[in-house]
Amino acid sequence: MKKVLIFGGSGQIGRHLIRKLTRKNYLVTVVTRNLHKKGTILKLSGNPGYIEVIEGNIFDEEQLNSFFKDKDVCINLVGILYENKKNTFKNIHVNFPKILSKKCEEYKLKQFIHISALGIEKAIDSKYASSKLEGEKKIINNFSKSTILKPSVIFSVDDNFSCRLLNLLSLLPIFPLYYNGKTKFSPIHVSEICEVITSVIDKNICSDIIECVGPEELSFKEILQKLLISINKKRLLIPLPTQIAKLSAFFFEKFPKPLITRDQLRILKYDNILSGQYKSNIDLGIEPKLKFEHEILKYSYMWKEGGQYSK
């Protein structure tokens, strides 16, 4: 019975992972910044008696010391897609993983599992990508029993990828194609990334970088077309010149939750598929089976005019 400490457990990966780990009788401790807001959701995610939810400041080292005592595994799911006044890429993707990996070494944990991102090695002009890479280096230097998972886009019923695109496609008559929609992705369902994490713990895999992908490679344009088919809508998909895309991203950055930023635009230049440099989930014996077009049908009806019973 391993004791697992999770940071960032209230996101889409965290909620699915908590359920999976507690079913295997792992004792799970989840740290959240707002117990009043997230506590009930997190407690309902796991089997009663196997989950503890505690409130804490992730940069308070004294609190962190109490969290790490008697733990076997630490999992970091914390990440951001854009910066704001409270959270910067440097703090969240570099400083925080650096602190966690040091604590893992100090308290002699058996494993540290960190979620990074696929396809960031070439995106040297992106602050997001460079911060992720710097965080990976800090982790490897600080704790030898670290495993870094690099997934492609993760999708599910409550993700920030397919659901946001469905929202936009249901409202906008014209949708822009950045870089002609040719950027390739390998979408992986959240249940399969959780299966990878669980397998890493079960098999006690350490000191590895593992790329995590779904069963198919799709261009951005193909993803949009599949989403449109799933909600029975037709939209004009028009390539957007780079300069106009940058200008629109500049204005979107002013929103509290920007649709796209200039930094995200830089990342979109690069494919989000297997690089061949590292092991993959397939090498672990976890063959992805859940295809994007089949899984989105389970929830895309929410964007149809007639809902679930639309003809």
Protein backbone atom coordinates (compact mmCIF):
# COMPACT_ATOMS: atom_id res chain seq x y z
CA MET A 1 0.00 0.00 0.00
CA LYS A 2 1.91 3.01 -1.30
CA LYS A 3 1.35 6.54 -0.02
CA VAL A 4 1.01 8.97 -2.93
CA LEU A 5 1.27 12.76 -2.70
CA ILE A 6 -0.38 14.70 -5.56
CA PHE A 7 -0.04 18.37 -6.48
CA GLY A 8 -2.52 19.76 -9.02
CA GLY A 9 -5.12 17.09 -8.34
CA SER A 10 -8.16 19.22 -9.17
CA GLY A 11 -7.44 19.29 -12.93
CA GLN A 12 -8.76 16.79 -15.46
CA ILE A 13 -5.80 14.38 -15.02
CA GLY A 14 -5.89 14.64 -11.23
CA ARG A 15 -9.56 13.73 -10.80
CA HIS A 16 -9.28 10.66 -13.02
CA LEU A 17 -5.96 9.63 -11.47
CA ILE A 18 -7.25 9.88 -7.88
CA ARG A 19 -10.12 7.53 -8.75
CA LYS A 20 -7.77 5.04 -10.37
CA LEU A 21 -5.19 5.04 -7.55
CA THR A 22 -7.69 4.77 -4.70
CA ARG A 23 -9.34 1.81 -6.44
CA LYS A 24 -5.97 0.08 -6.21
CA ASN A 25 -5.93 0.84 -2.47
CA TYR A 26 -3.19 3.46 -2.66
CA LEU A 27 -3.41 6.08 0.08
CA VAL A 28 -3.66 9.40 -1.76
CA THR A 29 -2.98 12.84 -0.29
CA VAL A 30 -3.99 15.76 -2.52
CA VAL A 31 -2.74 19.30 -1.91
CA THR A 32 -5.04 22.13 -3.02
CA ARG A 33 -4.75 25.90 -2.70
CA ASN A 34 -8.45 26.29 -1.95
CA LEU A 35 -10.02 23.58 0.20
CA HIS A 36 -13.38 25.36 0.39
CA LYS A 37 -13.66 25.50 -3.41
CA LYS A 38 -12.08 22.19 -4.45
CA GLY A 39 -12.30 19.97 -1.35
CA THR A 40 -15.70 18.36 -1.98
CA ILE A 41 -14.97 17.60 -5.64
CA LEU A 42 -11.63 16.01 -4.75
CA LYS A 43 -13.03 13.91 -1.89
CA LEU A 44 -15.74 12.55 -4.17
CA SER A 45 -13.11 11.61 -6.77
CA GLY A 46 -11.64 8.80 -4.67
CA ASN A 47 -12.76 5.87 -2.54
CA PRO A 48 -13.65 6.96 1.02
CA GLY A 49 -10.87 6.22 3.49
CA TYR A 50 -8.17 6.25 0.81
CA ILE A 51 -8.05 9.98 0.08
CA GLU A 52 -6.97 12.94 2.17
CA VAL A 53 -7.38 16.50 0.89
CA ILE A 54 -5.29 19.21 2.54
CA GLU A 55 -4.99 22.92 1.90
CA GLY A 56 -1.56 24.44 1.41
CA ASN A 57 0.59 27.04 -0.28
CA ILE A 58 2.79 25.21 -2.79
CA PHE A 59 5.65 27.64 -2.16
CA ASP A 60 5.58 27.39 1.65
CA GLU A 61 8.52 25.06 2.33
CA GLU A 62 7.61 24.49 5.98
CA GLN A 63 4.19 23.19 4.92
CA LEU A 64 5.77 21.11 2.18
CA ASN A 65 7.98 19.37 4.74
CA SER A 66 4.92 18.12 6.61
CA PHE A 67 3.33 16.88 3.36
CA PHE A 68 6.37 14.79 2.36
CA LYS A 69 6.76 12.86 5.62
CA ASP A 70 6.06 9.10 5.24
CA LYS A 71 5.23 9.40 1.51
CA ASP A 72 6.44 6.96 -1.15
CA VAL A 73 5.54 8.73 -4.40
CA CYS A 74 5.10 12.38 -5.39
CA ILE A 75 3.20 13.36 -8.55
CA ASN A 76 3.29 16.89 -9.98
CA LEU A 77 0.37 17.76 -12.27
CA VAL A 78 0.68 21.53 -11.84
CA GLY A 79 1.01 23.54 -15.04
CA ILE A 80 -0.30 26.67 -16.77
CA LEU A 81 -0.91 27.54 -20.43
CA TYR A 82 -0.53 31.30 -20.06
CA GLU A 83 0.96 33.72 -17.56
CA ASN A 84 -0.81 36.24 -15.33
CA LYS A 85 0.12 38.45 -12.37
CA LYS A 86 -0.12 35.57 -9.89
CA ASN A 87 1.44 32.76 -11.91
CA THR A 88 4.46 32.92 -14.20
CA PHE A 89 6.03 30.15 -16.27
CA LYS A 90 9.24 30.55 -14.27
CA ASN A 91 7.49 30.00 -10.94
CA ILE A 92 5.16 27.16 -11.95
CA HIS A 93 7.28 25.23 -14.47
CA VAL A 94 10.80 25.79 -13.07
CA ASN A 95 10.86 26.86 -9.42
CA PHE A 96 8.06 24.62 -8.15
CA PRO A 97 9.31 21.34 -9.75
CA LYS A 98 12.79 22.26 -8.49
CA ILE A 99 11.48 22.52 -4.92
CA LEU A 100 9.50 19.27 -5.19
CA SER A 101 12.42 17.27 -6.58
CA LYS A 102 14.65 18.54 -3.76
CA LYS A 103 12.05 17.47 -1.20
CA CYS A 104 11.85 14.03 -2.82
CA GLU A 105 15.60 13.66 -2.38
CA GLU A 106 15.53 15.03 1.18
CA TYR A 107 12.75 12.70 2.34
CA LYS A 108 14.01 9.68 0.35
CA LEU A 109 10.88 9.08 -1.72
CA LYS A 110 10.81 6.09 -4.04
CA GLN A 111 9.51 8.00 -7.09
CA PHE A 112 8.78 11.46 -8.44
CA ILE A 113 6.48 11.64 -11.48
CA HIS A 114 6.30 14.96 -13.31
CA ILE A 115 3.98 15.87 -16.19
CA SER A 116 5.72 17.96 -18.84
CA ALA A 117 4.71 18.39 -22.50
CA LEU A 118 5.42 16.78 -25.86
CA GLY A 119 7.10 18.58 -28.75
CA ILE A 120 8.71 21.38 -26.76
CA GLU A 121 12.35 20.68 -27.63
CA LYS A 122 12.19 22.57 -30.93
CA ALA A 123 10.07 25.46 -29.64
CA ILE A 124 13.00 27.48 -28.32
CA ASP A 125 11.19 30.75 -29.12
CA SER A 126 8.35 29.91 -26.71
CA LYS A 127 8.51 30.93 -23.03
CA TYR A 128 6.15 28.07 -22.15
CA ALA A 129 8.33 25.46 -23.86
CA SER A 130 11.65 26.79 -22.56
CA SER A 131 10.31 26.93 -18.99
CA LYS A 132 9.10 23.33 -19.24
CA LEU A 133 12.51 22.19 -20.50
CA GLU A 134 14.33 24.08 -17.77
CA GLY A 135 12.05 22.49 -15.17
CA GLU A 136 12.86 19.02 -16.54
CA LYS A 137 16.60 19.69 -16.18
CA LYS A 138 16.21 20.85 -12.57
CA ILE A 139 14.26 17.70 -11.71
CA ILE A 140 16.79 15.32 -13.29
CA ASN A 141 19.67 17.06 -11.51
CA ASN A 142 17.95 17.05 -8.10
CA PHE A 143 16.39 13.58 -7.88
CA SER A 144 17.64 10.50 -9.69
CA LYS A 145 14.38 8.55 -9.27
CA SER A 146 12.34 10.96 -11.35
CA THR A 147 10.13 10.01 -14.30
CA ILE A 148 9.06 12.74 -16.71
CA LEU A 149 5.96 12.11 -18.82
CA LYS A 150 5.54 14.16 -21.98
CA PRO A 151 1.98 13.82 -23.30
CA SER A 152 0.51 15.22 -26.49
CA VAL A 153 -2.79 17.09 -26.07
CA ILE A 154 -5.00 15.38 -23.48
CA PHE A 155 -8.73 15.31 -24.11
CA SER A 156 -11.83 14.33 -22.13
CA VAL A 157 -15.29 15.57 -21.25
CA ASP A 158 -13.90 18.49 -19.19
CA ASP A 159 -10.66 19.38 -20.92
CA ASN A 160 -9.27 22.74 -22.07
CA PHE A 161 -8.71 21.52 -25.61
CA SER A 162 -11.68 19.86 -27.32
CA CYS A 163 -14.30 21.59 -25.15
CA ARG A 164 -12.89 25.05 -25.85
CA LEU A 165 -12.75 24.31 -29.58
CA LEU A 166 -16.35 23.02 -29.50
CA ASN A 167 -17.45 26.22 -27.77
CA LEU A 168 -15.83 28.35 -30.46
CA LEU A 169 -16.98 26.20 -33.39
CA SER A 170 -20.57 26.32 -32.17
CA LEU A 171 -20.50 30.13 -32.08
CA LEU A 172 -18.22 31.34 -34.88
CA PRO A 173 -19.25 31.06 -38.57
CA ILE A 174 -15.58 31.32 -39.60
CA PHE A 175 -12.67 29.67 -37.80
CA PRO A 176 -9.00 30.57 -38.35
CA LEU A 177 -6.43 27.96 -39.32
CA TYR A 178 -3.04 28.83 -37.85
CA TYR A 179 -0.11 27.71 -40.05
CA ASN A 180 -2.69 26.35 -42.53
CA GLY A 181 -3.87 23.82 -39.95
CA LYS A 182 -0.98 21.49 -40.76
CA THR A 183 0.46 21.13 -37.23
CA LYS A 184 0.19 17.48 -36.19
CA PHE A 185 -1.09 16.20 -32.84
CA SER A 186 -1.53 12.77 -31.32
CA PRO A 187 -4.43 13.28 -28.88
CA ILE A 188 -4.45 10.95 -25.87
CA HIS A 189 -7.52 10.36 -23.73
CA VAL A 190 -7.17 11.28 -20.05
CA SER A 191 -7.92 7.70 -18.95
CA GLU A 192 -4.93 6.43 -20.95
CA ILE A 193 -2.47 8.99 -19.53
CA CYS A 194 -3.70 7.94 -16.06
CA GLU A 195 -3.04 4.33 -17.02
CA VAL A 196 0.54 5.30 -17.92
CA ILE A 197 1.05 7.04 -14.55
CA THR A 198 -0.39 4.06 -12.66
CA SER A 199 1.84 1.66 -14.61
CA VAL A 200 4.93 3.75 -13.77
CA ILE A 201 4.06 3.45 -10.06
CA ASP A 202 3.15 -0.25 -10.20
CA LYS A 203 6.30 -1.22 -12.10
CA ASN A 204 8.47 1.16 -10.05
CA ILE A 205 9.85 2.82 -13.21
CA CYS A 206 12.43 5.51 -12.44
CA SER A 207 14.91 7.73 -14.28
CA ASP A 208 13.03 7.82 -17.57
CA ILE A 209 11.55 10.32 -19.99
CA ILE A 210 8.42 8.85 -21.57
CA GLU A 211 6.42 10.36 -24.42
CA CYS A 212 2.69 9.68 -24.25
CA VAL A 213 0.51 9.66 -27.36
CA GLY A 214 -2.85 8.42 -28.57
CA PRO A 215 -3.50 5.87 -31.34
CA GLU A 216 -3.46 8.33 -34.28
CA GLU A 217 -1.80 11.43 -35.68
CA LEU A 218 -4.14 14.24 -36.72
CA SER A 219 -3.49 17.68 -38.16
CA PHE A 220 -5.15 20.66 -36.49
CA LYS A 221 -7.47 20.97 -39.50
CA GLU A 222 -8.48 17.29 -39.22
CA ILE A 223 -9.24 17.76 -35.51
CA LEU A 224 -11.52 20.71 -36.30
CA GLN A 225 -13.26 18.74 -39.06
CA LYS A 226 -13.93 15.81 -36.71
CA LEU A 227 -15.31 18.16 -34.05
CA LEU A 228 -17.62 19.80 -36.60
CA ILE A 229 -18.93 16.42 -37.77
CA SER A 230 -19.62 15.44 -34.14
CA ILE A 231 -21.89 18.50 -33.63
CA ASN A 232 -23.45 18.44 -37.13
CA LYS A 233 -22.23 21.89 -38.09
CA LYS A 234 -20.44 23.42 -41.07
CA ARG A 235 -17.95 26.24 -40.69
CA LEU A 236 -15.50 28.03 -42.98
CA LEU A 237 -11.96 27.03 -41.98
CA ILE A 238 -9.76 29.80 -43.36
CA PRO A 239 -5.94 29.96 -43.17
CA LEU A 240 -4.89 33.06 -41.24
CA PRO A 241 -1.71 34.96 -42.22
CA THR A 242 0.88 34.85 -39.46
CA GLN A 243 1.01 38.61 -38.94
CA ILE A 244 -2.76 38.87 -38.52
CA ALA A 245 -2.69 35.84 -36.19
CA LYS A 246 -0.06 37.55 -34.02
CA LEU A 247 -2.10 40.74 -33.92
CA SER A 248 -5.29 38.92 -32.89
CA ALA A 249 -3.36 36.94 -30.24
CA PHE A 250 -2.02 40.21 -28.85
CA PHE A 251 -5.59 41.41 -28.20
CA PHE A 252 -6.75 38.01 -26.86
CA GLU A 253 -3.95 38.15 -24.29
CA LYS A 254 -5.81 41.01 -22.57
CA PHE A 255 -8.67 38.70 -21.60
CA PRO A 256 -8.69 37.02 -18.13
CA LYS A 257 -8.77 33.65 -19.93
CA PRO A 258 -7.23 34.30 -23.36
CA LEU A 259 -8.40 32.20 -26.31
CA ILE A 260 -4.83 32.16 -27.63
CA THR A 261 -1.61 34.01 -26.80
CA ARG A 262 1.39 34.93 -28.94
CA ASP A 263 3.42 32.37 -27.01
CA GLN A 264 0.90 29.60 -27.78
CA LEU A 265 1.01 30.70 -31.41
CA ARG A 266 4.77 30.04 -31.44
CA ILE A 267 4.24 26.51 -30.09
CA LEU A 268 1.67 25.78 -32.82
CA LYS A 269 4.47 25.94 -35.41
CA TYR A 270 5.81 22.60 -34.17
CA ASP A 271 4.31 19.12 -34.40
CA ASN A 272 3.05 17.50 -31.20
CA ILE A 273 3.84 13.88 -32.01
CA LEU A 274 6.44 11.24 -31.11
CA SER A 275 9.99 12.47 -31.59
CA GLY A 276 11.65 9.06 -31.43
CA GLN A 277 14.23 10.39 -28.95
CA TYR A 278 12.65 8.77 -25.90
CA LYS A 279 10.59 5.77 -24.85
CA SER A 280 6.83 5.99 -25.35
CA ASN A 281 3.77 4.57 -23.62
CA ILE A 282 3.75 1.91 -26.34
CA ASP A 283 7.20 0.75 -25.16
CA LEU A 284 5.69 0.31 -21.68
CA GLY A 285 3.14 -2.08 -23.15
CA ILE A 286 0.31 0.46 -22.98
CA GLU A 287 -1.11 0.48 -26.50
CA PRO A 288 -3.49 3.47 -26.89
CA LYS A 289 -6.91 2.44 -28.18
CA LEU A 290 -9.27 5.37 -27.62
CA LYS A 291 -9.62 7.31 -30.88
CA PHE A 292 -10.41 11.01 -30.83
CA GLU A 293 -13.44 10.91 -33.13
CA HIS A 294 -15.09 8.08 -31.16
CA GLU A 295 -14.53 9.52 -27.68
CA ILE A 296 -15.70 13.06 -28.44
CA LEU A 297 -19.11 11.68 -29.50
CA LYS A 298 -19.68 10.78 -25.83
CA TYR A 299 -19.86 14.44 -24.86
CA SER A 300 -20.00 16.63 -27.99
CA TYR A 301 -23.82 16.30 -28.04
CA MET A 302 -23.80 19.14 -25.47
CA TRP A 303 -22.95 21.48 -28.37
CA LYS A 304 -25.64 20.16 -30.74
CA GLU A 305 -28.78 22.24 -31.24
CA GLY A 306 -31.02 19.43 -30.04
CA GLY A 307 -28.64 18.18 -27.39
CA GLN A 308 -28.28 14.45 -26.74
CA TYR A 309 -31.50 13.61 -28.59
CA SER A 310 -30.81 15.67 -31.70
CA LYS A 311 -31.87 14.06 -34.96
